[in-house]
Protein backbone atom coordinates (compact mmCIF):
# COMPACT_ATOMS: atom_id res chain seq x y z
CA MET A 1 28.53 18.70 11.89
CA ASN A 2 27.74 15.46 13.61
CA PRO A 3 30.32 14.96 16.37
CA LEU A 4 30.62 11.25 15.70
CA GLN A 5 34.03 10.25 14.38
CA LYS A 6 34.38 8.15 11.27
CA ILE A 7 36.29 4.92 11.66
CA GLY A 8 37.83 2.33 9.37
CA ALA A 9 36.00 -0.58 7.87
CA PHE A 10 34.75 -3.39 10.04
CA GLY A 11 34.18 -6.36 7.78
CA ALA A 12 32.08 -6.23 4.65
CA ALA A 13 28.98 -4.07 4.83
CA LEU A 14 25.91 -3.44 2.77
CA ALA A 15 25.50 -0.07 1.07
CA VAL A 16 22.10 1.57 1.19
CA SER A 17 20.61 4.87 0.10
CA PHE A 18 17.78 7.36 0.58
CA GLY A 19 16.09 9.64 -1.94
CA ALA A 20 15.00 13.27 -1.74
CA ALA A 21 13.07 14.58 1.24
CA TYR A 22 9.31 14.99 1.55
CA GLY A 23 7.71 17.31 4.11
CA VAL A 24 4.92 16.47 6.55
CA GLY A 25 3.03 18.71 8.91
CA ALA A 26 3.27 18.66 12.71
CA LEU A 27 0.51 16.89 14.60
CA ALA A 28 -1.05 17.95 17.89
CA GLY A 29 -4.15 17.33 20.00
CA PRO A 30 -6.29 14.24 20.62
CA PHE A 31 -6.25 11.31 18.22
CA ASP A 32 -9.54 9.47 17.71
CA SER A 33 -9.02 5.83 16.75
CA GLY A 34 -12.65 5.62 15.71
CA THR A 35 -12.17 7.92 12.73
CA GLU A 36 -11.18 6.75 9.29
CA LYS A 37 -7.50 6.59 8.51
CA ALA A 38 -6.44 9.83 6.89
CA ALA A 39 -4.82 9.49 3.49
CA HIS A 40 -1.14 10.43 3.53
CA GLN A 41 0.54 12.10 0.61
CA SER A 42 2.92 9.17 0.14
CA ASP A 43 -0.02 6.78 -0.36
CA SER A 44 -1.09 8.67 -3.47
CA HIS A 45 1.80 7.33 -5.56
CA GLU A 46 0.98 4.69 -8.14
CA GLY A 47 2.97 1.49 -8.42
CA GLY A 48 6.53 1.69 -9.71
CA SER A 49 9.69 3.25 -8.38
CA HIS A 50 10.13 6.13 -10.86
CA GLU A 51 8.03 9.11 -11.87
CA GLU A 52 8.26 10.94 -15.19
CA SER A 53 8.60 14.72 -15.19
CA GLY A 54 9.12 16.84 -18.28
CA GLY A 55 10.04 13.78 -20.33
CA GLN A 56 12.83 12.79 -17.96
CA SER A 57 12.95 10.01 -15.41
CA ALA A 58 12.92 11.31 -11.84
CA ALA A 59 14.90 9.80 -9.00
CA PRO A 60 13.50 6.58 -7.49
CA VAL A 61 10.87 7.08 -4.81
CA PRO A 62 12.39 6.13 -1.43
CA ALA A 63 11.21 2.88 0.12
CA GLY A 64 8.21 2.95 2.42
CA LEU A 65 6.55 6.06 0.99
CA GLN A 66 4.18 4.16 -1.29
CA VAL A 67 1.27 1.89 -0.44
CA SER A 68 1.55 0.31 -3.91
CA GLU A 69 4.57 -0.54 -6.02
CA GLY A 70 5.47 -3.01 -8.73
CA GLY A 71 1.94 -4.38 -8.88
CA TYR A 72 1.75 -5.06 -5.13
CA THR A 73 -0.35 -3.22 -2.56
CA LEU A 74 -0.29 -3.18 1.23
CA ASP A 75 -3.89 -3.59 2.41
CA LEU A 76 -3.84 -2.59 6.09
CA GLU A 77 -7.06 -3.75 7.77
CA SER A 78 -6.13 -2.32 11.17
CA GLY A 79 -6.22 1.44 10.61
CA ALA A 80 -6.54 2.37 14.28
CA LEU A 81 -5.52 1.14 17.74
CA GLU A 82 -5.77 2.51 21.29
CA ALA A 83 -2.67 3.68 23.16
CA GLY A 84 -1.59 1.38 25.98
CA ARG A 85 -4.02 -1.38 25.04
CA ALA A 86 -3.16 -4.71 23.47
CA GLY A 87 -4.22 -4.73 19.86
CA VAL A 88 -3.73 -6.66 16.64
CA ILE A 89 -2.39 -5.43 13.32
CA ARG A 90 -3.97 -7.28 10.40
CA PHE A 91 -3.05 -6.83 6.76
CA ALA A 92 -2.49 -8.51 3.42
CA VAL A 93 -0.13 -7.92 0.52
CA GLN A 94 -2.23 -7.96 -2.62
CA GLY A 95 -0.91 -8.83 -6.04
CA ALA A 96 -1.90 -7.25 -9.35
CA ASP A 97 -4.95 -9.54 -9.43
CA GLY A 98 -6.20 -8.16 -6.12
CA ARG A 99 -5.63 -11.43 -4.29
CA PRO A 100 -3.43 -11.84 -1.20
CA VAL A 101 0.10 -13.03 -1.98
CA THR A 102 0.80 -16.47 -0.50
CA THR A 103 4.34 -17.11 -1.75
CA TYR A 104 7.30 -15.24 -0.30
CA LYS A 105 11.05 -15.59 -0.37
CA VAL A 106 12.57 -16.14 3.06
CA GLU A 107 15.04 -13.33 3.81
CA HIS A 108 16.92 -13.00 7.08
CA GLU A 109 15.01 -16.03 8.38
CA LYS A 110 11.55 -14.50 7.83
CA GLU A 111 9.08 -14.17 4.97
CA LEU A 112 8.14 -10.65 5.99
CA HIS A 113 9.45 -8.00 8.39
CA LEU A 114 6.91 -5.53 9.80
CA ILE A 115 8.17 -2.21 11.15
CA VAL A 116 5.93 0.17 13.09
CA ALA A 117 7.18 3.66 13.95
CA SER A 118 5.55 6.82 15.26
CA ARG A 119 5.89 9.80 12.97
CA ASP A 120 7.86 11.66 15.63
CA LEU A 121 10.27 8.67 15.63
CA THR A 122 10.10 8.16 19.40
CA GLU A 123 8.37 4.77 19.34
CA TYR A 124 9.45 1.78 17.25
CA ARG A 125 8.58 -1.90 16.86
CA HIS A 126 10.14 -4.61 14.70
CA LEU A 127 7.57 -7.40 14.42
CA HIS A 128 7.28 -10.73 12.66
CA PRO A 129 3.61 -11.43 11.97
CA THR A 130 2.02 -14.81 11.29
CA ARG A 131 0.64 -15.57 7.83
CA ALA A 132 -2.59 -17.55 7.47
CA ALA A 133 -3.17 -19.98 4.61
CA ASP A 134 -5.24 -17.38 2.74
CA GLY A 135 -2.34 -14.93 2.72
CA THR A 136 -3.53 -12.57 5.47
CA TRP A 137 -1.06 -11.55 8.18
CA SER A 138 -1.58 -10.67 11.85
CA THR A 139 0.52 -9.78 14.88
CA PRO A 140 -0.24 -8.60 18.42
CA VAL A 141 1.14 -5.21 19.40
CA THR A 142 0.84 -2.66 22.20
CA LEU A 143 1.76 0.91 21.33
CA THR A 144 2.14 3.15 24.34
CA GLU A 145 1.97 6.63 22.80
CA PRO A 146 -1.01 8.16 20.95
CA GLY A 147 -0.44 9.69 17.55
CA SER A 148 0.16 8.94 13.91
CA TYR A 149 2.28 5.92 12.98
CA ARG A 150 3.68 4.42 9.81
CA VAL A 151 3.53 0.67 9.16
CA PHE A 152 6.16 -0.80 6.81
CA ALA A 153 5.97 -4.26 5.24
CA ASP A 154 9.42 -5.37 4.04
CA PHE A 155 9.27 -8.50 1.85
CA THR A 156 10.15 -10.23 -1.41
CA PRO A 157 7.16 -11.82 -3.20
CA GLY A 158 8.09 -15.26 -4.47
CA GLU A 159 11.32 -16.28 -6.17
CA GLY A 160 13.08 -14.07 -8.66
CA LYS A 161 11.29 -10.89 -7.57
CA GLU A 162 12.77 -7.71 -6.14
CA ASN A 163 12.52 -6.76 -2.49
CA LEU A 164 9.81 -4.22 -1.70
CA THR A 165 8.93 -2.04 1.26
CA LEU A 166 5.36 -0.76 1.26
CA GLY A 167 3.96 1.66 3.82
CA SER A 168 0.59 2.65 5.22
CA ASP A 169 -0.66 4.87 8.04
CA LEU A 170 -1.94 3.78 11.44
CA THR A 171 -3.66 5.94 14.07
CA VAL A 172 -3.21 5.27 17.79
CA GLY A 173 -5.98 6.91 19.80
CA GLY A 174 -5.45 9.00 22.93
CA GLU A 175 -4.41 12.47 24.02
CA TYR A 176 -1.42 13.39 21.92
CA ALA A 177 1.33 15.83 22.84
CA ALA A 178 3.84 16.76 20.16
CA ARG A 179 7.35 15.44 20.78
CA LYS A 180 10.60 16.43 19.13
CA VAL A 181 13.00 13.99 17.55
CA PRO A 182 15.57 13.17 20.27
CA ALA A 183 18.86 15.04 20.15
CA GLN A 184 21.91 13.51 18.51
CA THR A 185 24.09 11.32 20.68
CA SER A 186 26.93 8.87 20.16
CA GLU A 187 26.03 6.57 23.03
CA VAL A 188 22.82 5.09 24.49
CA THR A 189 22.13 2.61 27.29
CA VAL A 190 19.56 -0.18 26.97
CA ASP A 191 18.89 -2.58 29.88
CA GLY A 192 22.35 -1.91 31.29
CA TYR A 193 24.11 -2.40 27.94
CA THR A 194 25.92 0.57 26.44
CA VAL A 195 25.80 0.90 22.66
CA ALA A 196 28.32 3.31 21.15
CA LEU A 197 28.04 4.63 17.60
CA GLU A 198 31.15 5.65 15.69
CA GLY A 199 31.03 7.28 12.28
CA GLU A 200 28.85 9.96 10.71
CA LEU A 201 26.41 10.30 7.86
CA ALA A 202 27.68 12.41 4.97
CA ALA A 203 25.36 13.41 2.15
CA GLY A 204 26.66 12.48 -1.26
CA LYS A 205 29.11 9.74 -0.31
CA GLU A 206 29.33 6.45 1.56
CA SER A 207 29.43 6.60 5.34
CA GLU A 208 30.45 3.86 7.75
CA LEU A 209 28.47 3.38 10.95
CA ARG A 210 29.87 1.03 13.59
CA PHE A 211 27.91 0.01 16.66
CA ALA A 212 29.83 -1.52 19.61
CA VAL A 213 28.11 -3.07 22.66
CA SER A 214 29.56 -3.18 26.17
CA GLU A 215 28.49 -3.74 29.77
CA GLU A 216 30.19 -1.83 32.59
CA GLY A 217 33.04 -1.01 30.23
CA ARG A 218 33.59 -4.57 29.01
CA PRO A 219 32.84 -5.57 25.40
CA VAL A 220 29.84 -7.88 25.03
CA LYS A 221 29.65 -10.67 22.46
CA LEU A 222 26.67 -10.36 20.16
CA GLU A 223 24.44 -13.36 19.51
CA PRO A 224 23.05 -14.15 16.04
CA TYR A 225 19.76 -12.43 15.27
CA LEU A 226 17.93 -13.03 11.99
CA GLY A 227 21.08 -14.62 10.62
CA ALA A 228 23.40 -11.71 11.40
CA ASN A 229 25.10 -9.87 14.26
CA GLY A 230 22.71 -6.96 14.08
CA HIS A 231 19.77 -5.48 12.25
CA LEU A 232 19.48 -1.83 11.26
CA VAL A 233 16.48 0.22 10.22
CA ALA A 234 16.85 3.93 9.55
CA LEU A 235 14.03 6.40 9.00
CA ARG A 236 14.41 9.94 7.72
CA ALA A 237 12.71 12.56 9.88
CA GLY A 238 9.84 14.27 8.09
CA ASP A 239 8.72 11.77 5.48
CA LEU A 240 9.92 8.54 7.16
CA ALA A 241 11.77 7.30 4.09
CA TYR A 242 12.83 3.77 5.00
CA LEU A 243 16.15 1.92 5.13
CA HIS A 244 16.44 -1.74 6.08
CA VAL A 245 19.85 -3.46 6.02
CA HIS A 246 21.84 -6.29 7.53
CA PRO A 247 25.62 -6.48 7.76
CA HIS A 248 27.50 -8.93 5.59
CA ASP A 249 30.02 -9.75 8.31
CA ASP A 250 28.62 -12.56 10.47
CA GLU A 251 31.74 -13.20 12.52
CA SER A 252 30.83 -15.32 15.53
CA GLY A 253 31.37 -13.67 18.89
CA ALA A 254 31.79 -10.16 17.50
CA THR A 255 31.25 -7.28 19.91
CA GLY A 256 30.26 -4.78 17.24
CA VAL A 257 28.65 -4.49 13.85
CA THR A 258 29.18 -2.11 10.91
CA PHE A 259 26.95 -0.80 8.15
CA THR A 260 27.74 1.41 5.17
CA ALA A 261 25.13 4.01 4.26
CA ASP A 262 24.99 6.04 1.07
CA VAL A 263 22.85 9.07 1.93
CA PRO A 264 22.44 11.51 -0.99
CA SER A 265 20.19 13.98 0.85
CA THR A 266 20.90 16.11 3.89
CA GLY A 267 18.60 15.80 6.87
CA THR A 268 18.02 14.11 10.20
CA TYR A 269 17.77 10.34 10.48
CA ARG A 270 16.71 8.03 13.26
CA LEU A 271 18.72 4.78 13.49
CA PHE A 272 17.23 1.71 15.18
CA LEU A 273 19.71 -1.08 15.91
CA ASP A 274 18.36 -4.47 17.01
CA PHE A 275 20.96 -6.61 18.78
CA LYS A 276 20.76 -9.82 20.77
CA VAL A 277 22.56 -10.52 24.05
CA ASP A 278 21.81 -13.17 26.67
CA GLY A 279 18.97 -14.57 24.57
CA LYS A 280 17.03 -11.29 24.36
CA VAL A 281 16.69 -8.82 21.50
CA ARG A 282 17.03 -5.16 22.42
CA THR A 283 16.78 -1.98 20.39
CA ALA A 284 19.17 0.97 20.61
CA ALA A 285 17.92 4.17 18.98
CA PHE A 286 20.14 7.00 17.75
CA THR A 287 19.55 10.31 16.01
CA ALA A 288 22.06 11.17 13.30
CA GLY A 289 22.38 14.17 11.02
CA THR A 290 24.15 14.49 7.71
CA ASP A 291 27.18 16.64 7.10
CA GLN A 292 25.75 19.28 4.75
CA HIS A 293 29.21 20.15 3.42
CA SER A 294 30.05 16.63 2.23
CA HIS A 295 28.56 16.72 -1.26
CA GLY A 296 30.83 15.74 -4.05
């Protein structure tokens, strides 16, 4: 049982959900960025969010596990980088015609959000790349730890289309040592700011997660970031199923922010909260587990 205590509602929040778990093997030893990117099992899915099995429609495939969906494909040009060295991630989102998409709907102040996370969930980046006129995207990045990473492109192509999150693998070269997902905690400190998490994930029903920010015991007012008081990405340990939400409550001067998560599967999740204080965006990372006895 996660020791975090569930609290009451804090403003309106956006419900989100994950699908069933997928397993991945542990990685160890040196990573060679000169080798070809290894195909990951999640990249083998064809476009579309459902699979048919025995004449019945299966549950939707969780976001971020597919390289192609709904006629769109994430074409990641940068399949490898070197640990600790400045690099560039280049990619395009291709439409059904094979051409790069050039029209996007602006969501949360950006046309596209790019998330990069190591498969052991110890390193994380939230980036906003630049799109060229021909539809190709690029962004500088320095990743400090060698290993296998997942790159997520979160976007809505044009008007009237559904939001998509496509994923592809990235290798960061260097001597790799296996790391465990950090232990669960209800409080982390980032640059002198303490971020406290109240609430717990419960499989099979909605769960409220409230993040409160303070400095030396005094509440800190959050500044707007991407049109909201906070930005949350959650990744499920193992397959890195992806969750990307913003709160509905944009109260000015708030010292905390709340999300509602609907998590149908048990497991361990890594929560990455981006918050802005004193003109700078910081990221607080938490590990949260589901209550396995909360189905119903």
